[in-house]
Protein backbone atom coordinates (compact mmCIF):
# COMPACT_ATOMS: atom_id res chain seq x y z
CA MET A 1 85.48 127.90 221.89
CA ASN A 2 85.85 125.05 224.37
CA GLU A 3 83.68 125.88 227.40
CA ALA A 4 85.43 123.23 229.51
CA GLU A 5 88.78 124.97 229.05
CA LYS A 6 90.11 127.36 231.69
CA TYR A 7 90.36 130.97 230.51
CA LYS A 8 92.15 133.96 232.01
CA LEU A 9 91.29 137.65 231.59
CA LEU A 10 93.43 140.62 232.64
CA LEU A 11 91.57 143.91 233.01
CA SER A 12 92.73 147.44 233.77
CA GLY A 13 90.54 150.46 234.36
CA GLY A 14 90.75 153.10 237.05
CA GLY A 15 91.17 156.63 238.33
CA THR A 16 87.52 157.62 237.91
CA GLY A 17 84.18 155.85 237.88
CA GLY A 18 84.11 156.31 234.12
CA HIS A 19 86.98 153.85 233.79
CA ILE A 20 86.28 151.48 236.68
CA PHE A 21 82.60 150.64 236.29
CA PRO A 22 82.79 149.75 232.57
CA ALA A 23 85.70 147.42 233.38
CA ILE A 24 83.63 145.75 236.10
CA ALA A 25 80.66 145.48 233.72
CA ILE A 26 82.88 143.76 231.13
CA ALA A 27 84.25 141.39 233.78
CA ASN A 28 80.74 140.43 234.86
CA GLY A 29 79.74 139.99 231.21
CA ILE A 30 82.65 137.59 230.64
CA LYS A 31 81.77 135.64 233.82
CA ALA A 32 78.23 135.22 232.52
CA ARG A 33 79.52 133.76 229.23
CA LEU A 34 82.45 131.60 230.39
CA LYS A 35 81.91 128.98 233.08
CA ASN A 36 85.59 128.55 233.92
CA VAL A 37 87.37 131.91 233.95
CA ASP A 38 89.91 133.63 236.20
CA ILE A 39 89.77 137.43 236.15
CA LEU A 40 92.49 139.70 237.55
CA PHE A 41 92.39 143.49 237.60
CA VAL A 42 95.44 145.74 237.53
CA GLY A 43 95.13 149.28 238.88
CA ALA A 44 97.15 152.21 240.17
CA LYS A 45 98.13 152.14 243.83
CA GLY A 46 96.20 154.64 245.93
CA ARG A 47 93.46 155.18 243.33
CA MET A 48 89.73 154.50 243.51
CA GLU A 49 89.91 151.13 241.75
CA MET A 50 91.93 149.57 244.59
CA GLU A 51 88.77 149.88 246.71
CA LYS A 52 85.95 149.57 244.17
CA VAL A 53 87.17 146.45 242.33
CA PRO A 54 87.43 144.23 245.47
CA GLN A 55 83.98 145.51 246.49
CA ALA A 56 82.72 144.13 243.17
CA GLY A 57 84.23 140.73 244.00
CA PHE A 58 87.39 140.74 241.87
CA PRO A 59 91.09 140.56 242.88
CA ILE A 60 93.36 143.46 241.92
CA GLU A 61 97.09 144.18 241.83
CA GLY A 62 98.44 147.72 242.01
CA LEU A 63 101.13 149.43 239.96
CA TRP A 64 103.15 152.42 241.19
CA ILE A 65 101.98 154.84 238.50
CA SER A 66 100.36 158.26 238.21
CA GLY A 67 99.74 160.85 235.54
CA ILE A 68 101.83 163.86 234.56
CA GLN A 69 100.75 167.04 236.36
CA ARG A 70 99.71 169.91 234.08
CA SER A 71 101.62 172.48 236.11
CA LEU A 72 105.36 172.37 236.74
CA THR A 73 105.83 170.32 239.89
CA LEU A 74 108.40 168.09 241.56
CA LYS A 75 105.95 165.19 241.19
CA ASN A 76 106.65 165.17 237.45
CA LEU A 77 110.30 164.35 238.16
CA MET A 78 109.13 161.01 239.56
CA PHE A 79 107.06 160.11 236.49
CA PRO A 80 109.84 158.41 234.43
CA PHE A 81 110.78 156.25 237.43
CA LYS A 82 107.14 155.34 238.10
CA LEU A 83 106.59 154.50 234.43
CA LEU A 84 109.67 152.27 234.27
CA ASN A 85 108.71 150.56 237.54
CA SER A 86 105.13 149.99 236.37
CA LEU A 87 106.27 148.60 232.99
CA ILE A 88 108.56 146.11 234.75
CA ASN A 89 105.79 145.03 237.12
CA ALA A 90 103.22 144.89 234.31
CA HIS A 91 105.52 142.51 232.40
CA ARG A 92 105.85 140.42 235.59
CA ILE A 93 102.06 140.23 236.05
CA VAL A 94 101.45 139.31 232.40
CA LYS A 95 104.16 136.63 232.47
CA MET A 96 102.87 135.08 235.71
CA PHE A 97 99.14 135.24 234.88
CA GLN A 98 99.44 134.24 231.19
CA PRO A 99 96.06 135.68 230.13
CA ASN A 100 94.04 134.67 227.09
CA VAL A 101 93.22 138.34 226.53
CA VAL A 102 93.99 141.73 228.12
CA VAL A 103 91.44 144.57 228.23
CA GLY A 104 91.97 148.24 229.13
CA THR A 105 89.21 150.78 229.80
CA GLY A 106 91.45 153.73 230.67
CA GLY A 107 93.29 155.03 233.71
CA TYR A 108 96.95 155.26 234.66
CA ALA A 109 97.60 151.51 234.87
CA SER A 110 96.10 150.71 231.46
CA GLY A 111 99.09 152.07 229.56
CA PRO A 112 101.84 149.91 231.11
CA LEU A 113 99.65 146.79 231.27
CA LEU A 114 98.39 146.89 227.67
CA LYS A 115 101.85 147.81 226.37
CA ALA A 116 103.40 144.88 228.25
CA ALA A 117 100.72 142.49 227.00
CA ALA A 118 101.01 143.65 223.38
CA ASN A 119 104.81 143.37 223.48
CA ALA A 120 104.48 139.81 224.78
CA GLY A 121 102.10 138.87 221.96
CA TYR A 122 98.88 138.53 223.96
CA PRO A 123 95.52 139.54 222.39
CA THR A 124 94.59 143.07 223.51
CA LEU A 125 91.54 145.34 223.43
CA ILE A 126 90.95 148.90 224.64
CA LEU A 127 87.73 150.83 225.19
CA GLU A 128 87.67 154.53 224.26
CA GLN A 129 84.47 156.09 225.59
CA ASN A 130 85.16 159.73 224.75
CA SER A 131 84.87 161.55 221.43
CA TYR A 132 88.51 162.65 221.80
CA PRO A 133 90.92 159.97 223.10
CA GLY A 134 93.55 160.70 225.70
CA ILE A 135 97.29 160.37 225.11
CA THR A 136 97.49 156.84 226.55
CA ASN A 137 94.77 155.37 224.34
CA ARG A 138 96.10 157.14 221.24
CA TRP A 139 99.46 155.55 221.97
CA LEU A 140 97.95 152.12 222.72
CA GLY A 141 95.78 152.21 219.60
CA LYS A 142 98.90 151.57 217.52
CA VAL A 143 99.76 148.31 219.29
CA VAL A 144 96.49 146.69 220.47
CA ASP A 145 94.34 144.37 218.36
CA VAL A 146 90.88 145.94 218.82
CA VAL A 147 89.68 149.45 219.72
CA CYS A 148 86.06 149.63 220.92
CA THR A 149 84.61 153.16 220.72
CA ALA A 150 81.48 155.00 221.82
CA TYR A 151 81.52 157.46 218.90
CA ALA A 152 81.73 157.23 215.14
CA GLY A 153 84.46 159.15 213.29
CA MET A 154 87.37 157.88 215.41
CA GLU A 155 89.43 156.90 212.34
CA LYS A 156 91.44 160.11 212.72
CA TYR A 157 92.85 158.76 216.00
CA PHE A 158 92.99 154.98 215.52
CA PRO A 159 93.70 152.55 212.63
CA PRO A 160 90.28 152.10 210.94
CA GLU A 161 90.61 148.32 210.68
CA LYS A 162 90.85 148.04 214.48
CA ILE A 163 87.75 150.10 215.34
CA ILE A 164 84.47 148.55 216.51
CA ILE A 165 81.70 150.98 217.54
CA THR A 166 80.12 149.48 220.65
CA GLY A 167 78.98 152.39 222.81
CA SER A 168 79.81 152.60 226.52
CA PRO A 169 78.77 150.02 229.14
CA ILE A 170 76.16 151.31 231.57
CA ARG A 171 74.52 150.01 234.74
CA LYS A 172 72.02 147.21 234.21
CA ASN A 173 69.22 148.93 236.18
CA ILE A 174 69.48 151.97 233.90
CA ARG A 175 69.69 149.89 230.73
CA GLU A 176 66.52 148.08 231.81
CA MET A 177 64.78 151.15 233.28
CA ASN A 178 60.99 150.75 233.24
CA THR A 179 59.66 152.83 236.15
CA PRO A 180 56.84 155.20 235.06
CA SER A 181 57.63 158.91 235.57
CA ALA A 182 54.77 159.47 238.02
CA GLU A 183 55.84 156.50 240.16
CA ALA A 184 59.49 157.67 240.16
CA ARG A 185 58.51 161.18 241.27
CA LYS A 186 56.37 159.75 244.05
CA PHE A 187 59.37 157.67 245.17
CA PHE A 188 61.32 160.91 245.75
CA GLY A 189 58.39 162.50 247.62
CA LEU A 190 57.48 164.83 244.76
CA GLU A 191 54.27 165.55 242.85
CA GLU A 192 53.48 162.89 240.26
CA ASN A 193 52.50 165.21 237.39
CA ARG A 194 54.78 168.23 237.83
CA LYS A 195 57.67 168.88 235.40
CA THR A 196 60.90 167.69 237.02
CA LEU A 197 64.53 168.79 236.73
CA LEU A 198 67.30 166.32 237.63
CA ILE A 199 70.69 167.75 238.62
CA ILE A 200 73.70 165.42 238.90
CA GLY A 201 77.46 165.78 239.06
CA GLY A 202 80.24 163.33 238.21
CA SER A 203 82.69 161.29 240.27
CA GLN A 204 85.09 164.29 240.31
CA GLY A 205 82.51 166.66 241.74
CA ALA A 206 80.28 169.47 240.55
CA ARG A 207 80.79 172.42 242.91
CA ARG A 208 80.27 175.06 240.21
CA ILE A 209 77.06 173.40 239.04
CA ASN A 210 75.76 173.31 242.61
CA GLU A 211 76.65 176.98 243.10
CA ALA A 212 74.71 177.91 239.95
CA VAL A 213 71.71 175.88 241.10
CA ALA A 214 71.81 177.45 244.58
CA GLN A 215 71.94 180.91 243.00
CA HIS A 216 68.91 180.29 240.77
CA VAL A 217 66.91 177.64 242.63
CA GLU A 218 64.11 179.97 243.75
CA GLN A 219 63.70 181.36 240.22
CA LEU A 220 63.58 177.85 238.79
CA LEU A 221 60.98 176.69 241.29
CA ALA A 222 58.89 179.83 240.67
CA THR A 223 58.40 178.70 237.05
CA GLY A 224 56.48 175.69 238.37
CA MET A 225 59.05 172.90 238.15
CA GLN A 226 60.27 170.57 240.91
CA ILE A 227 63.86 169.38 241.39
CA VAL A 228 65.75 166.18 242.19
CA TRP A 229 69.21 167.46 243.19
CA GLN A 230 72.27 165.27 243.78
CA THR A 231 74.94 167.50 245.30
CA GLY A 232 77.84 165.27 246.33
CA LYS A 233 79.07 165.33 249.94
CA LEU A 234 80.95 168.63 249.73
CA SER A 235 78.02 170.72 248.48
CA LEU A 236 75.09 169.27 250.46
CA GLU A 237 75.24 171.85 253.26
CA MET A 238 75.40 174.75 250.77
CA ALA A 239 72.42 173.35 248.87
CA GLU A 240 70.33 172.94 252.01
CA LYS A 241 71.15 176.51 253.11
CA SER A 242 69.96 177.84 249.75
CA LEU A 243 66.57 176.25 250.42
CA LEU A 244 66.09 177.37 254.04
CA ASN A 245 63.75 180.25 253.23
CA SER A 246 62.28 178.87 250.02
CA LYS A 247 58.52 179.10 249.51
CA PHE A 248 58.82 175.93 247.45
CA ARG A 249 60.98 173.73 249.73
CA ASN A 250 58.56 170.82 249.40
CA ARG A 251 59.29 170.74 245.66
CA VAL A 252 62.98 169.86 246.05
CA MET A 253 64.49 166.48 246.91
CA VAL A 254 68.15 167.14 247.75
CA LYS A 255 70.67 164.39 248.63
CA ASP A 256 74.43 164.04 248.56
CA PHE A 257 74.17 160.80 246.58
CA ILE A 258 71.31 159.06 244.77
CA TYR A 259 71.62 155.29 244.59
CA GLU A 260 68.37 154.82 242.64
CA MET A 261 69.56 156.57 239.47
CA ASP A 262 67.16 154.58 237.31
CA LYS A 263 64.27 156.21 239.19
CA ALA A 264 65.98 159.63 239.09
CA TYR A 265 66.22 159.48 235.29
CA ALA A 266 62.65 158.17 235.05
CA ALA A 267 61.39 161.14 237.08
CA ALA A 268 63.17 163.74 234.94
CA ASP A 269 61.93 165.87 232.06
CA VAL A 270 65.32 167.60 231.78
CA VAL A 271 68.74 166.64 233.16
CA VAL A 272 71.66 168.91 234.09
CA SER A 273 74.92 166.98 234.20
CA ARG A 274 78.66 166.90 233.71
CA ALA A 275 79.70 165.38 230.38
CA GLY A 276 81.80 162.39 231.39
CA ALA A 277 81.53 159.18 229.40
CA ILE A 278 79.19 157.38 231.82
CA ALA A 279 76.84 160.35 232.22
CA ILE A 280 76.52 160.79 228.47
CA ALA A 281 76.05 157.06 227.85
CA GLU A 282 73.30 156.90 230.45
CA ILE A 283 71.50 159.97 229.14
CA ILE A 284 71.65 158.58 225.60
CA GLN A 285 70.22 155.29 226.90
CA VAL A 286 67.30 156.88 228.78
CA GLY A 287 66.68 159.43 226.02
CA LYS A 288 66.37 162.51 228.25
CA PRO A 289 66.99 166.10 227.07
CA ALA A 290 70.09 167.36 228.86
CA VAL A 291 72.09 170.49 229.53
CA PHE A 292 75.73 169.44 229.79
CA ILE A 293 78.12 171.56 231.85
CA PRO A 294 81.54 169.99 231.17
CA LEU A 295 84.28 169.86 233.79
CA PRO A 296 86.94 172.10 232.17
CA SER A 297 89.81 170.50 234.10
CA ALA A 298 89.07 166.99 232.78
CA ALA A 299 91.98 165.38 230.94
CA GLU A 300 92.34 166.59 227.33
CA ASP A 301 89.16 168.65 228.00
CA HIS A 302 87.34 165.49 226.89
CA GLN A 303 84.08 166.45 228.61
CA THR A 304 83.71 169.57 226.46
CA ARG A 305 84.46 167.53 223.35
CA ASN A 306 81.88 164.90 224.38
CA ALA A 307 79.20 167.54 224.92
CA LYS A 308 80.03 169.28 221.64
CA ALA A 309 79.65 165.98 219.76
CA LEU A 310 76.02 165.78 220.92
CA ALA A 311 75.29 169.51 220.74
CA ALA A 312 76.49 169.60 217.11
CA LYS A 313 73.73 167.10 216.25
CA GLU A 314 71.09 168.98 218.33
CA ALA A 315 71.05 166.04 220.75
CA ALA A 316 71.87 168.14 223.85
CA LEU A 317 72.58 171.69 225.01
CA LEU A 318 76.06 172.78 226.08
CA LEU A 319 76.62 175.37 228.81
CA GLU A 320 80.24 176.20 229.61
CA GLU A 321 81.08 176.26 233.31
CA LYS A 322 82.44 179.82 233.09
CA ASN A 323 78.97 180.98 231.98
CA ALA A 324 76.93 178.78 234.34
CA SER A 325 76.35 181.40 237.02
CA ARG A 326 75.06 183.92 234.47
CA ASP A 327 73.13 181.71 232.05
CA PHE A 328 71.94 178.74 234.11
CA PHE A 329 68.38 179.92 234.67
CA ASP A 330 67.75 181.04 231.09
CA VAL A 331 69.16 177.86 229.51
CA VAL A 332 67.54 175.36 231.89
CA SER A 333 64.13 177.03 232.24
CA GLY A 334 64.08 177.72 228.50
CA LEU A 335 64.55 174.04 227.69
CA MET A 336 62.07 172.91 230.34
CA LYS A 337 59.22 174.96 228.86
CA ASP A 338 60.09 174.28 225.19
CA ASP A 339 58.37 170.97 224.44
CA GLU A 340 59.26 171.17 220.75
CA LYS A 341 62.98 171.53 221.54
CA LYS A 342 62.83 168.65 224.01
CA GLY A 343 61.21 166.50 221.33
CA ILE A 344 63.93 167.34 218.80
CA ILE A 345 66.66 166.45 221.31
CA LYS A 346 65.00 163.13 222.17
CA LYS A 347 64.73 162.25 218.49
CA ASN A 348 68.35 163.20 217.76
CA LEU A 349 69.69 161.23 220.73
CA ARG A 350 68.62 158.02 218.99
CA GLN A 351 71.45 158.27 216.46
CA PHE A 352 73.94 157.81 219.33
CA GLU A 353 72.30 154.61 220.65
CA HIS A 354 74.34 151.43 220.26
CA GLY A 355 72.28 148.83 222.11
CA ASP A 356 73.91 146.69 224.79
CA ALA A 357 77.50 147.97 224.75
CA THR A 358 78.70 145.51 227.39
CA GLU A 359 77.51 142.53 225.35
CA LYS A 360 79.14 143.92 222.19
CA ILE A 361 82.48 144.37 223.96
CA VAL A 362 82.25 140.90 225.52
CA GLU A 363 81.69 139.48 222.01
CA GLN A 364 84.90 141.16 220.82
CA VAL A 365 86.81 139.77 223.81
CA LEU A 366 85.53 136.25 223.10
CA LYS A 367 86.46 136.59 219.40
CA LEU A 368 90.02 137.51 220.40
CA ILE A 369 90.22 134.48 222.70
CA ASP A 370 88.85 132.20 219.97
CA LYS A 371 91.18 133.62 217.33
CA ALA A 372 94.22 133.15 219.57
CA SER A 373 93.14 129.57 220.41
CA ASN A 374 92.81 128.70 216.71
CA VAL A 375 96.26 130.11 215.97
CA LYS A 376 97.75 128.01 218.78
CA ARG A 377 95.99 124.86 217.52
CA ARG A 378 97.41 125.35 214.03
């Protein structure tokens, strides 16, 4: 690869944090490896990526595209027109930008962009972070050059010769986490040597999890544990009300959002979380026993499938949202006091580790660029 040459990368990932932040991580990884590179993102108008990508320092263009609603609605009548419009504009963007490679990490805009790029003969790569791929990635898997996955056994969904198991990109501060547990607990104003429960939701919210915690928080604290509780904006007031008359209020750190997630994971003995791709990748990386409560309305019910993939290998516990109110205390307190079970889960999590996923994906992107350059030279 000629480092003096100018390279161009098109990236698409959006809708949720689970699609956006891996795309940004890949973009930063490429920037670190190539001195002379132009990177352009393509997203869906009105979605989260149109704000988050510029904040990360990258330009973005928007397509007029959305998903199909599960229920019968007039919005679905617009879908064919939006799809056609987005395909036309995706072809325009690809033709004007002339990328060396095009990468999709999921989201509404990934489908039209990767399809347009593949049709035009550009090298293409997609990232599938879930154990069960959505419709768009299953469709794209037939036409792209490389499919990077977070899980083994994806041959049933994608051509085996295209699959590279890389894992999912995660935040650098979590990948390099080195804060001692006692120091992390002290950071949150908690006791340094007390067993600690971390409760986190996903980018789409965790109201039912917060309701279950609020219902059982006094019971949990009475067992001797302390809690780091991230509620999200909508549930903060409810959480604080549940603690008003608590005898153990000083043993709970409750916030709507925790920016220092590396310290939050370091403080935890047990984690309660949704089962989105980023959450699972981070928990695998930090090696913490977790109780996953999947979001049942997630596309293709992929969160439940993700959690089941780990639970089947005794690498996590799965608690369905419909049972959270009833079983939350028994499941969470049971795991917290069972050191043997926690040890088994930690050991079994190691089989899901894949090292530095971002670097592995970047290597595949660079290989595609190099391969395309060699073909052109011949």
